[in-house]
Amino acid sequence: EELVRQALSEHQYPDGFALMLGTLFAPTQDRDVPGRGFTHRTGDVVRISSERLGTLVNRVTTSKSAPPWTTGIATLMANLAGR
């Protein structure tokens, strides 16, 4: 419930959202303090690549600072289908 509350606290989701809690792509080294693990910071550039799919590049920002997504999933799907 706390994760859902946080996801809803600073975002606008015109069509709802899916909360995914993990990834196969994660740094394994401690970032600053030994034993404290790794977390991204604002301004970090994250690249995930696959030879067959290409590279996804995102700059880390906060939910408050990111522009709201107002288009909605239906418009996104129509745009992708038109390509």
Protein backbone atom coordinates (compact mmCIF):
# COMPACT_ATOMS: atom_id res chain seq x y z
CA GLU A 1 0.00 0.00 0.00
CA GLU A 2 2.87 2.36 0.78
CA LEU A 3 4.43 1.84 -2.67
CA VAL A 4 1.10 2.59 -4.36
CA ARG A 5 0.64 5.69 -2.20
CA GLN A 6 4.08 6.94 -3.20
CA ALA A 7 3.48 6.16 -6.89
CA LEU A 8 0.29 8.21 -6.81
CA SER A 9 1.71 11.07 -4.74
CA GLU A 10 3.52 13.03 -7.45
CA HIS A 11 2.38 11.63 -10.79
CA GLN A 12 -0.43 12.06 -13.23
CA TYR A 13 -1.47 8.78 -14.83
CA PRO A 14 -4.15 9.36 -17.45
CA ASP A 15 -4.66 5.60 -17.99
CA GLY A 16 -3.46 4.08 -14.71
CA PHE A 17 -0.06 2.52 -14.03
CA ALA A 18 1.75 -0.76 -13.51
CA LEU A 19 4.05 -0.88 -10.51
CA MET A 20 7.09 -3.05 -11.30
CA LEU A 21 9.44 -3.85 -8.45
CA GLY A 22 12.71 -5.01 -9.88
CA THR A 23 14.86 -5.39 -12.93
CA LEU A 24 17.43 -7.75 -14.34
CA PHE A 25 19.62 -4.71 -14.98
CA ALA A 26 21.04 -3.42 -11.71
CA PRO A 27 24.47 -2.29 -10.49
CA THR A 28 25.96 -4.62 -7.91
CA GLN A 29 28.70 -2.47 -6.38
CA ASP A 30 28.17 -0.14 -3.41
CA ARG A 31 27.94 3.47 -4.54
CA ASP A 32 29.19 5.42 -1.53
CA VAL A 33 29.14 3.55 1.76
CA PRO A 34 30.29 -0.08 1.91
CA GLY A 35 27.36 -2.38 2.58
CA ARG A 36 24.72 0.23 1.66
CA GLY A 37 24.25 -0.88 -1.95
CA PHE A 38 23.56 1.31 -4.94
CA THR A 39 20.95 3.92 -5.72
CA HIS A 40 20.66 6.32 -8.62
CA ARG A 41 21.01 10.07 -8.19
CA THR A 42 19.40 12.90 -10.09
CA GLY A 43 21.42 13.50 -13.25
CA ASP A 44 22.72 9.94 -13.60
CA VAL A 45 22.49 8.60 -17.14
CA VAL A 46 21.20 5.03 -17.32
CA ARG A 47 21.85 2.96 -20.45
CA ILE A 48 20.44 -0.50 -21.04
CA SER A 49 21.32 -2.16 -24.32
CA SER A 50 20.61 -5.28 -26.24
CA GLU A 51 22.22 -6.21 -29.55
CA ARG A 52 18.82 -7.07 -31.03
CA LEU A 53 16.76 -4.22 -29.53
CA GLY A 54 19.17 -1.31 -29.36
CA THR A 55 19.85 1.02 -26.44
CA LEU A 56 17.48 2.73 -24.02
CA VAL A 57 18.99 5.86 -22.46
CA ASN A 58 17.37 7.82 -19.64
CA ARG A 59 18.57 10.61 -17.38
CA VAL A 60 17.45 10.14 -13.75
CA THR A 61 15.17 12.83 -12.35
CA THR A 62 12.61 13.06 -9.58
CA SER A 63 8.91 12.49 -10.12
CA LYS A 64 8.24 16.08 -9.13
CA SER A 65 10.70 17.43 -11.69
CA ALA A 66 9.66 15.20 -14.59
CA PRO A 67 6.95 16.58 -16.86
CA PRO A 68 3.60 14.84 -16.43
CA TRP A 69 2.62 12.30 -19.05
CA THR A 70 -0.70 13.62 -20.31
CA THR A 71 -0.95 11.78 -23.62
CA GLY A 72 -2.19 8.44 -22.31
CA ILE A 73 -1.56 4.87 -23.40
CA ALA A 74 -4.17 4.86 -26.18
CA THR A 75 -2.43 7.75 -27.95
CA LEU A 76 0.96 6.11 -27.42
CA MET A 77 -0.24 2.84 -28.95
CA ALA A 78 -1.79 4.66 -31.91
CA ASN A 79 1.48 6.52 -32.46
CA LEU A 80 3.52 3.32 -32.33
CA ALA A 81 1.11 1.49 -34.65
CA GLY A 82 1.40 4.36 -37.14
CA ARG A 83 5.15 3.90 -37.35
